Amino acid sequence: MQFTEYVGNGTGLWYVIAITICIRRRVRFRLMRTVQITVDAALLRRIDKHCGERNRSAFFRKAAELLLEKLKIEELERRDREGYRRCPVTSGEFDVWQTEQVWPD
């Protein structure tokens, strides 16, 4: 849950009350940071076509999450390749699994 969804953009006493409620209910919320990015007009039109101007932040958050997950997978695959390069599979190492690979008819 985002904190602004819970309290809106208020400050002062309402902010303190909301923090107290969140702590008592053990509500987890993410404090969002505002960032500024530069996007060329053609790309922005394509993005707005799919999500509209009101959902740009959500679009960019999801895009960033997907890219970070992709980069994580690429790094794991690179590490696997490096591991197999340093310690190649030996002859007969996986022979015990040959019977498990048979597809039933």
N, C-alpha and C. Protein backbone atom coordinates (compact mmCIF):
# COMPACT_ATOMS: atom_id res chain seq x y z
N MET A 1 0.85 -1.17 0.00
CA MET A 1 0.00 0.00 0.00
C MET A 1 0.89 1.22 0.00
N GLN A 2 0.53 2.19 -0.79
CA GLN A 2 1.29 3.43 -0.82
C GLN A 2 0.77 4.36 0.26
N PHE A 3 1.69 5.08 0.89
CA PHE A 3 1.31 5.96 1.98
C PHE A 3 0.31 7.01 1.53
N THR A 4 0.50 7.56 0.32
CA THR A 4 -0.40 8.60 -0.15
C THR A 4 -1.81 8.07 -0.36
N GLU A 5 -1.95 6.78 -0.65
CA GLU A 5 -3.28 6.18 -0.76
C GLU A 5 -3.95 6.13 0.61
N TYR A 6 -3.15 6.01 1.63
CA TYR A 6 -3.68 5.87 2.97
C TYR A 6 -4.06 7.21 3.58
N VAL A 7 -3.26 8.26 3.34
CA VAL A 7 -3.50 9.55 3.97
C VAL A 7 -3.75 10.69 3.00
N GLY A 8 -3.59 10.46 1.73
CA GLY A 8 -3.66 11.57 0.79
C GLY A 8 -2.37 12.34 0.85
N ASN A 9 -2.40 13.60 0.50
CA ASN A 9 -1.19 14.41 0.51
C ASN A 9 -1.16 15.37 1.70
N GLY A 10 -1.92 15.06 2.75
CA GLY A 10 -2.00 15.95 3.90
C GLY A 10 -0.72 15.98 4.71
N THR A 11 -0.64 16.96 5.57
CA THR A 11 0.51 17.08 6.47
C THR A 11 -0.01 17.43 7.85
N GLY A 12 0.88 17.65 8.76
CA GLY A 12 0.50 18.09 10.09
C GLY A 12 -0.14 16.98 10.92
N LEU A 13 -1.23 17.32 11.62
CA LEU A 13 -1.89 16.39 12.53
C LEU A 13 -2.38 15.15 11.82
N TRP A 14 -2.96 15.29 10.63
CA TRP A 14 -3.45 14.11 9.89
C TRP A 14 -2.32 13.17 9.54
N TYR A 15 -1.16 13.73 9.26
CA TYR A 15 0.02 12.92 8.96
C TYR A 15 0.41 12.09 10.17
N VAL A 16 0.44 12.70 11.34
CA VAL A 16 0.80 12.00 12.57
C VAL A 16 -0.23 10.91 12.88
N ILE A 17 -1.51 11.24 12.73
CA ILE A 17 -2.57 10.25 12.98
C ILE A 17 -2.42 9.07 12.03
N ALA A 18 -2.17 9.34 10.76
CA ALA A 18 -2.03 8.27 9.77
C ALA A 18 -0.83 7.39 10.08
N ILE A 19 0.28 7.99 10.46
CA ILE A 19 1.46 7.20 10.82
C ILE A 19 1.14 6.30 12.00
N THR A 20 0.45 6.84 12.99
CA THR A 20 0.07 6.05 14.17
C THR A 20 -0.82 4.88 13.77
N ILE A 21 -1.79 5.12 12.92
CA ILE A 21 -2.68 4.04 12.46
C ILE A 21 -1.89 2.98 11.71
N CYS A 22 -1.00 3.43 10.83
CA CYS A 22 -0.20 2.48 10.05
C CYS A 22 0.66 1.61 10.96
N ILE A 23 1.26 2.22 11.98
CA ILE A 23 2.10 1.46 12.90
C ILE A 23 1.26 0.47 13.70
N ARG A 24 0.12 0.91 14.19
CA ARG A 24 -0.72 0.03 15.00
C ARG A 24 -1.29 -1.12 14.17
N ARG A 25 -1.64 -0.85 12.94
CA ARG A 25 -2.20 -1.90 12.07
C ARG A 25 -1.12 -2.64 11.32
N ARG A 26 0.11 -2.25 11.51
CA ARG A 26 1.25 -2.85 10.83
C ARG A 26 1.08 -2.82 9.31
N VAL A 27 0.56 -1.71 8.84
CA VAL A 27 0.38 -1.51 7.41
C VAL A 27 1.74 -1.20 6.80
N ARG A 28 2.07 -1.91 5.74
CA ARG A 28 3.31 -1.62 5.05
C ARG A 28 3.01 -0.67 3.91
N PHE A 29 3.78 0.37 3.82
CA PHE A 29 3.59 1.31 2.73
C PHE A 29 4.95 1.72 2.19
N ARG A 30 4.93 2.10 0.94
CA ARG A 30 6.15 2.54 0.28
C ARG A 30 6.09 4.04 0.10
N LEU A 31 7.09 4.71 0.59
CA LEU A 31 7.18 6.14 0.35
C LEU A 31 7.77 6.32 -1.04
N MET A 32 7.07 7.04 -1.88
CA MET A 32 7.50 7.25 -3.25
C MET A 32 8.37 8.50 -3.33
N ARG A 33 9.34 8.46 -4.19
CA ARG A 33 10.18 9.61 -4.47
C ARG A 33 9.80 10.13 -5.84
N THR A 34 9.82 11.43 -6.00
CA THR A 34 9.54 12.04 -7.28
C THR A 34 10.84 12.16 -8.06
N VAL A 35 10.80 11.71 -9.31
CA VAL A 35 11.96 11.82 -10.17
C VAL A 35 11.54 12.50 -11.47
N GLN A 36 12.49 13.08 -12.12
CA GLN A 36 12.21 13.73 -13.40
C GLN A 36 13.01 13.01 -14.46
N ILE A 37 12.33 12.64 -15.57
CA ILE A 37 13.01 11.96 -16.66
C ILE A 37 12.72 12.71 -17.96
N THR A 38 13.55 12.47 -18.93
CA THR A 38 13.37 13.06 -20.25
C THR A 38 12.97 11.96 -21.22
N VAL A 39 11.87 12.18 -21.94
CA VAL A 39 11.36 11.20 -22.90
C VAL A 39 11.05 11.95 -24.19
N ASP A 40 11.48 11.40 -25.32
CA ASP A 40 11.18 12.09 -26.57
C ASP A 40 9.69 12.01 -26.87
N ALA A 41 9.21 12.94 -27.67
CA ALA A 41 7.78 13.11 -27.91
C ALA A 41 7.14 11.87 -28.52
N ALA A 42 7.82 11.24 -29.46
CA ALA A 42 7.24 10.06 -30.12
C ALA A 42 7.04 8.92 -29.12
N LEU A 43 8.03 8.70 -28.28
CA LEU A 43 7.91 7.64 -27.27
C LEU A 43 6.81 7.97 -26.28
N LEU A 44 6.72 9.22 -25.86
CA LEU A 44 5.69 9.62 -24.90
C LEU A 44 4.29 9.44 -25.49
N ARG A 45 4.12 9.73 -26.77
CA ARG A 45 2.81 9.50 -27.41
C ARG A 45 2.45 8.02 -27.39
N ARG A 46 3.45 7.16 -27.67
CA ARG A 46 3.19 5.71 -27.64
C ARG A 46 2.81 5.24 -26.23
N ILE A 47 3.49 5.78 -25.24
CA ILE A 47 3.18 5.41 -23.85
C ILE A 47 1.79 5.89 -23.48
N ASP A 48 1.48 7.15 -23.80
CA ASP A 48 0.16 7.70 -23.48
C ASP A 48 -0.96 6.96 -24.19
N LYS A 49 -0.68 6.46 -25.37
CA LYS A 49 -1.69 5.69 -26.11
C LYS A 49 -2.11 4.45 -25.32
N HIS A 50 -1.17 3.86 -24.61
CA HIS A 50 -1.46 2.64 -23.85
C HIS A 50 -1.97 2.91 -22.44
N CYS A 51 -1.48 3.97 -21.82
CA CYS A 51 -1.82 4.14 -20.40
C CYS A 51 -2.48 5.47 -20.07
N GLY A 52 -2.43 6.42 -20.96
CA GLY A 52 -2.99 7.74 -20.65
C GLY A 52 -2.05 8.53 -19.76
N GLU A 53 -2.24 9.83 -19.73
CA GLU A 53 -1.36 10.70 -18.97
C GLU A 53 -1.44 10.46 -17.47
N ARG A 54 -2.59 10.01 -16.98
CA ARG A 54 -2.77 9.87 -15.53
C ARG A 54 -2.03 8.67 -14.96
N ASN A 55 -1.65 7.71 -15.81
CA ASN A 55 -1.00 6.50 -15.31
C ASN A 55 0.46 6.39 -15.72
N ARG A 56 1.07 7.49 -16.12
CA ARG A 56 2.46 7.43 -16.55
C ARG A 56 3.38 6.90 -15.46
N SER A 57 3.20 7.34 -14.25
CA SER A 57 4.07 6.90 -13.16
C SER A 57 4.00 5.40 -12.98
N ALA A 58 2.79 4.86 -12.98
CA ALA A 58 2.62 3.42 -12.84
C ALA A 58 3.27 2.68 -14.00
N PHE A 59 3.13 3.24 -15.20
CA PHE A 59 3.74 2.64 -16.38
C PHE A 59 5.25 2.57 -16.23
N PHE A 60 5.88 3.68 -15.84
CA PHE A 60 7.33 3.71 -15.70
C PHE A 60 7.81 2.84 -14.54
N ARG A 61 7.04 2.78 -13.44
CA ARG A 61 7.41 1.88 -12.34
C ARG A 61 7.42 0.43 -12.81
N LYS A 62 6.35 0.04 -13.52
CA LYS A 62 6.26 -1.35 -14.00
C LYS A 62 7.36 -1.63 -15.01
N ALA A 63 7.64 -0.69 -15.91
CA ALA A 63 8.71 -0.87 -16.89
C ALA A 63 10.06 -1.04 -16.19
N ALA A 64 10.30 -0.25 -15.17
CA ALA A 64 11.56 -0.35 -14.43
C ALA A 64 11.66 -1.70 -13.71
N GLU A 65 10.56 -2.15 -13.10
CA GLU A 65 10.56 -3.45 -12.43
C GLU A 65 10.84 -4.57 -13.42
N LEU A 66 10.21 -4.53 -14.59
CA LEU A 66 10.42 -5.56 -15.60
C LEU A 66 11.86 -5.56 -16.10
N LEU A 67 12.42 -4.37 -16.34
CA LEU A 67 13.79 -4.29 -16.81
C LEU A 67 14.76 -4.80 -15.74
N LEU A 68 14.54 -4.43 -14.49
CA LEU A 68 15.41 -4.91 -13.42
C LEU A 68 15.34 -6.43 -13.28
N GLU A 69 14.16 -7.01 -13.42
CA GLU A 69 14.02 -8.46 -13.36
C GLU A 69 14.75 -9.11 -14.54
N LYS A 70 14.63 -8.52 -15.72
CA LYS A 70 15.34 -9.04 -16.91
C LYS A 70 16.85 -8.98 -16.70
N LEU A 71 17.34 -7.87 -16.16
CA LEU A 71 18.78 -7.74 -15.91
C LEU A 71 19.25 -8.77 -14.87
N LYS A 72 18.42 -9.03 -13.87
CA LYS A 72 18.77 -10.03 -12.85
C LYS A 72 18.88 -11.41 -13.48
N ILE A 73 17.93 -11.76 -14.35
CA ILE A 73 17.96 -13.06 -15.02
C ILE A 73 19.18 -13.16 -15.93
N GLU A 74 19.49 -12.08 -16.67
CA GLU A 74 20.67 -12.08 -17.53
C GLU A 74 21.94 -12.29 -16.72
N GLU A 75 22.03 -11.68 -15.54
CA GLU A 75 23.20 -11.85 -14.69
C GLU A 75 23.30 -13.29 -14.18
N LEU A 76 22.18 -13.88 -13.79
CA LEU A 76 22.21 -15.27 -13.33
C LEU A 76 22.62 -16.21 -14.47
N GLU A 77 22.11 -15.95 -15.66
CA GLU A 77 22.50 -16.77 -16.81
C GLU A 77 23.98 -16.62 -17.13
N ARG A 78 24.50 -15.38 -17.02
CA ARG A 78 25.92 -15.16 -17.25
C ARG A 78 26.77 -15.93 -16.24
N ARG A 79 26.31 -15.91 -14.98
CA ARG A 79 27.04 -16.64 -13.94
C ARG A 79 27.01 -18.14 -14.19
N ASP A 80 25.86 -18.66 -14.65
CA ASP A 80 25.77 -20.09 -14.98
C ASP A 80 26.73 -20.44 -16.12
N ARG A 81 26.73 -19.61 -17.19
CA ARG A 81 27.64 -19.87 -18.32
C ARG A 81 29.09 -19.86 -17.85
N GLU A 82 29.44 -18.88 -17.01
CA GLU A 82 30.80 -18.78 -16.50
C GLU A 82 31.15 -20.01 -15.65
N GLY A 83 30.21 -20.46 -14.85
CA GLY A 83 30.45 -21.64 -14.03
C GLY A 83 30.68 -22.89 -14.87
N TYR A 84 29.86 -23.06 -15.92
CA TYR A 84 30.05 -24.22 -16.80
C TYR A 84 31.31 -24.09 -17.64
N ARG A 85 31.73 -22.85 -17.93
CA ARG A 85 32.97 -22.66 -18.66
C ARG A 85 34.17 -23.06 -17.79
N ARG A 86 34.11 -22.68 -16.50
CA ARG A 86 35.21 -23.02 -15.59
C ARG A 86 35.21 -24.50 -15.22
N CYS A 87 34.02 -25.08 -15.06
CA CYS A 87 33.91 -26.50 -14.68
C CYS A 87 32.95 -27.19 -15.65
N PRO A 88 33.44 -27.57 -16.83
CA PRO A 88 32.56 -28.18 -17.83
C PRO A 88 31.97 -29.50 -17.34
N VAL A 89 30.85 -29.85 -17.93
CA VAL A 89 30.20 -31.12 -17.60
C VAL A 89 31.12 -32.25 -18.06
N THR A 90 31.29 -33.23 -17.20
CA THR A 90 32.12 -34.38 -17.56
C THR A 90 31.28 -35.46 -18.19
N SER A 91 31.91 -36.32 -18.95
CA SER A 91 31.22 -37.42 -19.61
C SER A 91 30.59 -38.33 -18.56
N GLY A 92 29.31 -38.58 -18.71
CA GLY A 92 28.61 -39.47 -17.80
C GLY A 92 28.07 -38.79 -16.54
N GLU A 93 28.29 -37.50 -16.38
CA GLU A 93 27.89 -36.80 -15.17
C GLU A 93 26.37 -36.82 -14.96
N PHE A 94 25.61 -36.74 -16.04
CA PHE A 94 24.16 -36.71 -15.92
C PHE A 94 23.48 -37.97 -16.48
N ASP A 95 24.25 -39.02 -16.70
CA ASP A 95 23.67 -40.25 -17.27
C ASP A 95 22.57 -40.84 -16.40
N VAL A 96 22.66 -40.65 -15.10
CA VAL A 96 21.67 -41.21 -14.19
C VAL A 96 20.28 -40.63 -14.46
N TRP A 97 20.19 -39.46 -15.09
CA TRP A 97 18.91 -38.80 -15.36
C TRP A 97 18.33 -39.15 -16.72
N GLN A 98 19.03 -39.93 -17.53
CA GLN A 98 18.56 -40.24 -18.88
C GLN A 98 17.17 -40.89 -18.88
N THR A 99 16.92 -41.79 -17.95
CA THR A 99 15.61 -42.46 -17.92
C THR A 99 14.49 -41.52 -17.50
N GLU A 100 14.83 -40.48 -16.79
CA GLU A 100 13.82 -39.50 -16.35
C GLU A 100 13.38 -38.59 -17.49
N GLN A 101 14.17 -38.52 -18.55
CA GLN A 101 13.87 -37.61 -19.65
C GLN A 101 12.94 -38.22 -20.71
N VAL A 102 12.55 -39.45 -20.52
CA VAL A 102 11.70 -40.12 -21.50
C VAL A 102 10.28 -39.59 -21.39
N TRP A 103 9.72 -39.18 -22.53
CA TRP A 103 8.35 -38.69 -22.55
C TRP A 103 7.40 -39.86 -22.73
N PRO A 104 6.38 -39.96 -21.89
CA PRO A 104 5.42 -41.05 -22.08
C PRO A 104 4.57 -40.81 -23.34
N ASP A 105 4.13 -41.89 -23.96
CA ASP A 105 3.29 -41.76 -25.16
C ASP A 105 1.87 -41.44 -24.84
